[in-house]
C-alpha cells in the first residue's frame, strides 16, 4: 500500500501545481481588453496570446477583446495633412469612457506610441502629450476597477519607413515607459527585443525587415510581440520557441485551435468598435454586436471541444 499511497500523493501534488499554474498568468482575469492602434487592430499578437491560454489553460474562461483602432494615439496629437487631410488621427480619450463602460474589463493591455510622436524627431512637447495621455489612461482604467498592463511601442524601421530620427523617438518613449516600473507601473517590453532582432538579422541580411513599411509588423513581428508579453506575464514553457505555429504544436489540436481563435477575433473586433463608437472613417462596421457574439459563442464551443482532445500519451502542458 505504501507505493500506492506515494503515487496518490504525487498525483495530488502535480494537480495542485497545475491548478496554481493555470491561474498564475493574469490571475483572476475574466475579460481582457486590448487597446492600441492599427498594429493592435491587425490583431495577430492578440490571437496568439488567446491561443496560448486556450491550449495551456483550457479550464480557464477568459474573454479576449480587441478594440485597437487604426491611426489612433493616446497623446491626442495629429500631424498636418494626416491621411491626405481627410481626417485627423483619432484620440483614444474620445472613446475611452464608452469602451470601458461597455466592455467592463478586469484587465487592460494597452500598446501605444507608434503614432504618438507623429513620425518626427523627439520633441519635449510631443513627449509630454504622450506621457500625459498614458497617465490619463491609467487613471481611467483604475476608476473602472480594472488593472492595466502597458506595452512599449514596436520598433520603427527607418530603412523601410518614412520618418528620419523617429526610431530614436520611440527608443526614448520606451525607455521612459520602462522607467515607470519603479513607480509601480506594469510594463511589458516589446520594443527592445524587436529592435534587437531587427539589428542582428540585418547584419547578415541587409534586406531583412519586420515591417514592410517600417511600421506595421508582419507575422514574425507579431510573434515577437505576443511572446514577449506572455514571457512578461510569467509563461515559461516556450522561451526558445520561434513561431506561433511552433507554439501551438505543443497541443495536438493547436493549429486548428489557432485558426478558430483567428476567426473569432476577426469576427468580433469590428463589431465591438462599431458598437462602442469612434471617429475613424473608413472602418468596416462588421456584424451587429449581438449577432457577432452569438457566432463567436459557437466558435468558442468548438475551441473548448478541441482543447480537451489530447494525444494518447500527452500529459499536462
Protein backbone atom coordinates (compact mmCIF):
# COMPACT_ATOMS: atom_id res chain seq x y z
CA UNK A 1 0.00 0.00 0.00
CA UNK A 2 2.90 2.33 0.63
CA UNK A 3 3.93 2.72 -3.07
CA UNK A 4 0.27 3.28 -3.99
CA UNK A 5 -0.09 5.94 -1.31
CA UNK A 6 3.08 7.66 -2.53
CA UNK A 7 1.74 7.63 -6.08
CA UNK A 8 -1.53 9.20 -4.93
CA UNK A 9 0.30 11.91 -3.06
CA UNK A 10 2.44 12.61 -6.11
CA UNK A 11 -0.64 12.89 -8.34
CA UNK A 12 -2.31 15.25 -5.88
CA UNK A 13 0.81 17.40 -5.76
CA UNK A 14 1.01 17.52 -9.56
CA UNK A 15 -2.65 18.50 -9.83
CA UNK A 16 -2.14 21.24 -7.24
CA UNK A 17 0.84 22.62 -9.14
CA UNK A 18 -1.14 22.57 -12.40
CA UNK A 19 -4.09 24.32 -10.74
CA UNK A 20 -1.80 27.06 -9.48
CA UNK A 21 -0.14 27.29 -12.90
CA UNK A 22 -3.49 27.69 -14.61
CA UNK A 23 -4.17 30.90 -12.73
CA UNK A 24 -0.70 32.35 -12.29
CA UNK A 25 -0.80 34.20 -15.62
CA UNK A 26 -3.16 37.18 -15.25
CA UNK A 27 -4.61 35.75 -12.02
CA UNK A 28 -8.35 36.19 -11.73
CA UNK A 29 -8.70 37.73 -15.19
CA UNK A 30 -12.00 37.03 -16.93
CA UNK A 31 -12.27 39.77 -19.57
CA UNK A 32 -9.12 41.24 -21.12
CA UNK A 33 -9.35 44.36 -23.26
CA UNK A 34 -6.64 45.19 -25.79
CA UNK A 35 -6.27 48.86 -26.76
CA UNK A 36 -3.93 50.27 -29.37
CA UNK A 37 -3.59 51.50 -32.92
CA UNK A 38 -3.59 49.69 -36.28
CA UNK A 39 -0.96 47.20 -35.09
CA UNK A 40 -3.31 46.03 -32.34
CA UNK A 41 -6.32 46.17 -34.65
CA UNK A 42 -4.46 43.90 -37.06
CA UNK A 43 -4.54 41.58 -34.12
CA UNK A 44 -2.15 38.72 -34.82
CA UNK A 45 -0.41 39.10 -31.47
CA UNK A 46 -3.78 39.16 -29.70
CA UNK A 47 -4.78 35.94 -31.46
CA UNK A 48 -1.53 34.23 -30.46
CA UNK A 49 -2.00 35.24 -26.82
CA UNK A 50 -5.56 33.87 -26.76
CA UNK A 51 -4.43 30.65 -28.47
CA UNK A 52 -1.72 30.25 -25.83
CA UNK A 53 -4.24 30.45 -23.00
CA UNK A 54 -6.63 28.10 -24.81
CA UNK A 55 -4.01 25.43 -25.41
CA UNK A 56 -2.33 25.70 -21.98
CA UNK A 57 -5.19 26.53 -19.63
CA UNK A 58 -8.41 25.18 -21.21
CA UNK A 59 -10.12 25.17 -17.80
CA UNK A 60 -9.97 28.96 -17.61
CA UNK A 61 -12.74 31.06 -19.13
CA UNK A 62 -11.27 34.33 -20.40
CA UNK A 63 -12.75 36.69 -22.97
CA UNK A 64 -10.16 38.49 -25.12
CA UNK A 65 -11.50 41.70 -26.67
CA UNK A 66 -9.52 43.55 -29.36
CA UNK A 67 -10.61 47.19 -29.67
CA UNK A 68 -7.49 48.54 -31.32
CA UNK A 69 -8.26 51.41 -33.71
CA UNK A 70 -6.10 52.26 -36.74
CA UNK A 71 -4.39 55.69 -36.72
CA UNK A 72 -5.20 56.24 -33.04
CA UNK A 73 -2.99 57.98 -30.49
CA UNK A 74 -3.05 58.19 -26.70
CA UNK A 75 -1.48 61.66 -26.95
CA UNK A 76 -4.31 63.31 -28.87
CA UNK A 77 -1.81 64.56 -31.46
CA UNK A 78 -2.21 64.51 -35.23
CA UNK A 79 0.11 65.74 -37.94
CA UNK A 80 -0.94 68.29 -40.56
CA UNK A 81 -2.34 66.58 -43.62
CA UNK A 82 -2.81 63.19 -41.96
CA UNK A 83 -4.48 60.74 -44.36
CA UNK A 84 -4.18 63.31 -47.12
CA UNK A 85 -6.01 65.82 -44.97
CA UNK A 86 -9.19 63.72 -44.90
CA UNK A 87 -9.29 63.25 -41.11
CA UNK A 88 -7.14 63.85 -38.03
CA UNK A 89 -5.84 60.92 -36.03
CA UNK A 90 -8.46 59.66 -33.58
CA UNK A 91 -7.76 60.29 -29.90
CA UNK A 92 -8.23 57.30 -27.56
CA UNK A 93 -9.66 59.57 -24.87
CA UNK A 94 -12.61 60.49 -27.09
CA UNK A 95 -13.90 56.91 -26.85
CA UNK A 96 -12.22 55.50 -23.76
CA UNK A 97 -15.08 56.05 -21.30
CA UNK A 98 -17.57 54.37 -23.66
CA UNK A 99 -15.25 51.43 -24.30
CA UNK A 100 -14.63 50.80 -20.60
CA UNK A 101 -18.31 51.14 -19.76
CA UNK A 102 -19.49 48.75 -22.48
CA UNK A 103 -16.74 46.13 -22.29
CA UNK A 104 -16.32 46.17 -18.49
CA UNK A 105 -12.85 44.60 -18.49
CA UNK A 106 -10.97 43.48 -15.41
CA UNK A 107 -7.65 43.75 -17.27
CA UNK A 108 -6.45 46.16 -19.98
CA UNK A 109 -3.40 45.71 -22.22
CA UNK A 110 -2.51 48.97 -23.96
CA UNK A 111 0.08 49.36 -26.73
CA UNK A 112 0.59 52.97 -27.84
CA UNK A 113 3.48 55.09 -29.03
CA UNK A 114 3.95 54.24 -32.70
CA UNK A 115 1.72 57.11 -33.85
CA UNK A 116 2.20 59.37 -30.84
CA UNK A 117 5.44 61.05 -31.90
CA UNK A 118 3.84 61.86 -35.29
CA UNK A 119 6.85 60.32 -37.12
CA UNK A 120 9.07 63.26 -36.22
CA UNK A 121 12.32 63.59 -34.25
CA UNK A 122 11.95 63.69 -30.47
CA UNK A 123 10.40 66.88 -29.07
CA UNK A 124 9.59 67.58 -25.40
CA UNK A 125 6.10 68.86 -26.14
CA UNK A 126 5.13 65.73 -28.08
CA UNK A 127 6.63 63.51 -25.40
CA UNK A 128 4.65 65.39 -22.74
CA UNK A 129 1.43 64.75 -24.65
CA UNK A 130 2.29 61.04 -24.90
CA UNK A 131 3.26 60.58 -21.25
CA UNK A 132 0.26 62.60 -20.03
CA UNK A 133 -2.00 60.53 -22.26
CA UNK A 134 -0.74 57.32 -20.67
CA UNK A 135 -1.29 58.74 -17.18
CA UNK A 136 -4.86 59.68 -18.10
CA UNK A 137 -5.40 56.17 -19.49
CA UNK A 138 -4.16 54.64 -16.23
CA UNK A 139 -6.47 56.84 -14.21
CA UNK A 140 -9.49 55.93 -16.34
CA UNK A 141 -8.76 52.21 -16.14
CA UNK A 142 -8.28 52.37 -12.37
CA UNK A 143 -11.55 54.29 -11.98
CA UNK A 144 -13.26 51.50 -13.93
CA UNK A 145 -11.94 48.97 -11.42
CA UNK A 146 -9.53 47.26 -13.81
CA UNK A 147 -5.80 46.56 -13.90
CA UNK A 148 -3.58 47.78 -16.72
CA UNK A 149 -0.51 46.37 -18.43
CA UNK A 150 1.32 48.86 -20.62
CA UNK A 151 3.23 47.60 -23.65
CA UNK A 152 6.11 49.59 -25.13
CA UNK A 153 5.72 50.57 -28.80
CA UNK A 154 7.02 48.28 -31.54
CA UNK A 155 10.26 49.22 -33.28
CA UNK A 156 10.20 51.77 -36.12
CA UNK A 157 12.41 50.83 -39.08
CA UNK A 158 13.90 53.93 -40.69
CA UNK A 159 15.22 51.88 -43.62
CA UNK A 160 11.68 50.90 -44.67
CA UNK A 161 9.60 53.73 -43.21
CA UNK A 162 9.33 57.48 -43.66
CA UNK A 163 10.46 59.35 -40.57
CA UNK A 164 14.16 60.20 -40.18
CA UNK A 165 15.05 60.17 -36.49
CA UNK A 166 11.81 58.53 -35.46
CA UNK A 167 13.47 55.32 -34.28
CA UNK A 168 15.21 57.38 -31.60
CA UNK A 169 11.90 58.97 -30.63
CA UNK A 170 10.38 55.57 -29.90
CA UNK A 171 13.56 54.44 -28.16
CA UNK A 172 13.13 57.32 -25.74
CA UNK A 173 9.40 56.76 -25.30
CA UNK A 174 10.08 53.10 -24.49
CA UNK A 175 12.90 53.93 -22.07
CA UNK A 176 10.59 56.29 -20.19
CA UNK A 177 7.86 53.67 -20.00
CA UNK A 178 10.28 51.08 -18.65
CA UNK A 179 11.48 53.57 -16.03
CA UNK A 180 7.91 53.82 -14.74
CA UNK A 181 8.19 50.28 -13.41
CA UNK A 182 9.99 51.85 -10.45
CA UNK A 183 6.82 53.83 -9.68
CA UNK A 184 4.52 50.80 -9.79
CA UNK A 185 3.59 50.60 -13.47
CA UNK A 186 3.42 47.16 -15.02
CA UNK A 187 5.16 47.43 -18.39
CA UNK A 188 5.92 44.67 -20.90
CA UNK A 189 8.81 45.49 -23.21
CA UNK A 190 8.40 44.51 -26.86
CA UNK A 191 10.43 47.44 -28.22
CA UNK A 192 13.87 46.25 -27.11
CA UNK A 193 13.50 42.63 -28.34
CA UNK A 194 12.12 43.79 -31.69
CA UNK A 195 14.96 46.31 -32.06
CA UNK A 196 17.49 43.60 -31.23
CA UNK A 197 16.08 41.12 -33.76
CA UNK A 198 15.97 43.78 -36.47
CA UNK A 199 19.55 44.87 -35.83
CA UNK A 200 21.03 41.37 -35.55
CA UNK A 201 19.24 39.89 -38.56
CA UNK A 202 20.10 42.85 -40.76
CA UNK A 203 23.82 42.33 -40.12
CA UNK A 204 23.69 39.12 -42.13
CA UNK A 205 20.74 40.01 -44.36
CA UNK A 206 20.60 43.71 -45.31
CA UNK A 207 17.14 43.18 -46.84
CA UNK A 208 15.63 41.76 -43.65
CA UNK A 209 12.70 43.61 -42.10
CA UNK A 210 9.97 43.13 -39.51
CA UNK A 211 7.59 45.65 -41.12
CA UNK A 212 7.50 46.23 -44.85
CA UNK A 213 6.52 49.86 -44.36
CA UNK A 214 8.64 50.33 -41.25
CA UNK A 215 5.56 50.45 -39.01
CA UNK A 216 3.14 47.55 -39.40
CA UNK A 217 4.80 44.35 -38.24
CA UNK A 218 4.35 41.15 -40.18
CA UNK A 219 3.95 37.63 -38.82
CA UNK A 220 7.38 37.48 -37.16
CA UNK A 221 6.94 40.89 -35.56
CA UNK A 222 3.57 39.95 -34.10
CA UNK A 223 5.04 36.70 -32.81
CA UNK A 224 7.79 38.62 -31.00
CA UNK A 225 5.15 40.92 -29.50
CA UNK A 226 2.99 38.03 -28.27
CA UNK A 227 5.96 36.08 -26.96
CA UNK A 228 7.39 39.00 -25.00
CA UNK A 229 4.02 39.85 -23.46
CA UNK A 230 3.49 36.22 -22.42
CA UNK A 231 7.02 35.96 -21.02
CA UNK A 232 6.39 39.14 -19.04
CA UNK A 233 3.21 37.60 -17.64
CA UNK A 234 5.17 34.57 -16.47
CA UNK A 235 4.91 31.98 -19.26
CA UNK A 236 7.98 29.76 -19.17
CA UNK A 237 7.26 26.83 -21.47
CA UNK A 238 8.27 28.32 -24.81
CA UNK A 239 11.23 30.64 -24.24
CA UNK A 240 13.10 29.09 -27.19
CA UNK A 241 10.03 28.71 -29.42
CA UNK A 242 10.46 30.62 -32.68
CA UNK A 243 6.95 31.00 -34.10
CA UNK A 244 3.25 30.82 -33.34
CA UNK A 245 2.99 27.69 -35.48
CA UNK A 246 5.65 26.02 -33.34
CA UNK A 247 3.96 27.22 -30.14
CA UNK A 248 0.61 25.64 -30.94
CA UNK A 249 2.15 22.28 -31.90
CA UNK A 250 2.61 21.70 -28.18
CA UNK A 251 -1.12 20.85 -28.18
CA UNK A 252 -2.27 18.10 -30.60
CA UNK A 253 -5.13 20.30 -31.84
CA UNK A 254 -3.18 23.56 -31.56
CA UNK A 255 -3.13 24.54 -35.23
CA UNK A 256 -6.91 24.18 -35.54
CA UNK A 257 -7.45 25.99 -32.23
CA UNK A 258 -5.40 28.94 -33.51
CA UNK A 259 -7.44 29.05 -36.74
CA UNK A 260 -10.70 29.16 -34.78
CA UNK A 261 -9.35 31.87 -32.48
CA UNK A 262 -8.40 33.90 -35.54
CA UNK A 263 -11.90 33.51 -36.98
CA UNK A 264 -13.49 34.58 -33.72
CA UNK A 265 -11.24 37.59 -33.19
CA UNK A 266 -11.74 38.84 -36.75
CA UNK A 267 -15.49 38.42 -36.38
CA UNK A 268 -15.71 40.41 -33.15
CA UNK A 269 -13.29 43.32 -33.37
CA UNK A 270 -15.15 45.49 -35.89
CA UNK A 271 -18.48 44.69 -34.26
CA UNK A 272 -17.14 45.95 -30.92
CA UNK A 273 -15.60 49.06 -32.49
CA UNK A 274 -18.88 49.97 -34.16
CA UNK A 275 -20.90 49.32 -31.02
CA UNK A 276 -18.66 51.43 -28.78
CA UNK A 277 -18.25 54.20 -31.37
CA UNK A 278 -15.24 56.04 -32.78
CA UNK A 279 -14.35 58.87 -35.17
CA UNK A 280 -12.10 56.99 -37.57
CA UNK A 281 -13.67 56.90 -41.07
CA UNK A 282 -13.24 54.02 -43.45
CA UNK A 283 -13.64 51.22 -40.92
CA UNK A 284 -15.70 48.11 -41.59
CA UNK A 285 -18.85 48.12 -39.47
CA UNK A 286 -18.87 44.38 -39.05
CA UNK A 287 -21.91 42.49 -37.84
CA UNK A 288 -24.25 43.88 -35.18
CA UNK A 289 -22.58 43.09 -31.88
CA UNK A 290 -25.30 40.70 -30.67
CA UNK A 291 -25.10 38.66 -33.86
CA UNK A 292 -21.30 38.66 -33.79
CA UNK A 293 -21.23 37.46 -30.19
CA UNK A 294 -23.70 34.66 -30.98
CA UNK A 295 -21.49 33.43 -33.82
CA UNK A 296 -18.41 33.81 -31.62
CA UNK A 297 -20.04 31.66 -28.94
CA UNK A 298 -20.34 28.81 -31.46
CA UNK A 299 -16.64 29.13 -32.26
CA UNK A 300 -15.86 29.14 -28.54
CA UNK A 301 -17.64 25.81 -28.13
CA UNK A 302 -15.57 24.38 -30.97
CA UNK A 303 -12.37 25.72 -29.41
CA UNK A 304 -13.19 24.28 -25.99
CA UNK A 305 -14.04 20.91 -27.54
CA UNK A 306 -10.67 20.79 -29.28
CA UNK A 307 -8.73 21.80 -26.17
CA UNK A 308 -9.99 18.64 -24.45
CA UNK A 309 -8.70 16.33 -27.20
CA UNK A 310 -5.29 15.17 -26.07
CA UNK A 311 -2.78 12.83 -27.68
CA UNK A 312 -2.93 9.37 -26.01
CA UNK A 313 0.47 9.86 -24.37
CA UNK A 314 0.18 13.55 -23.67
CA UNK A 315 0.32 14.86 -20.14
CA UNK A 316 -0.44 18.30 -18.88
CA UNK A 317 1.41 21.01 -20.84
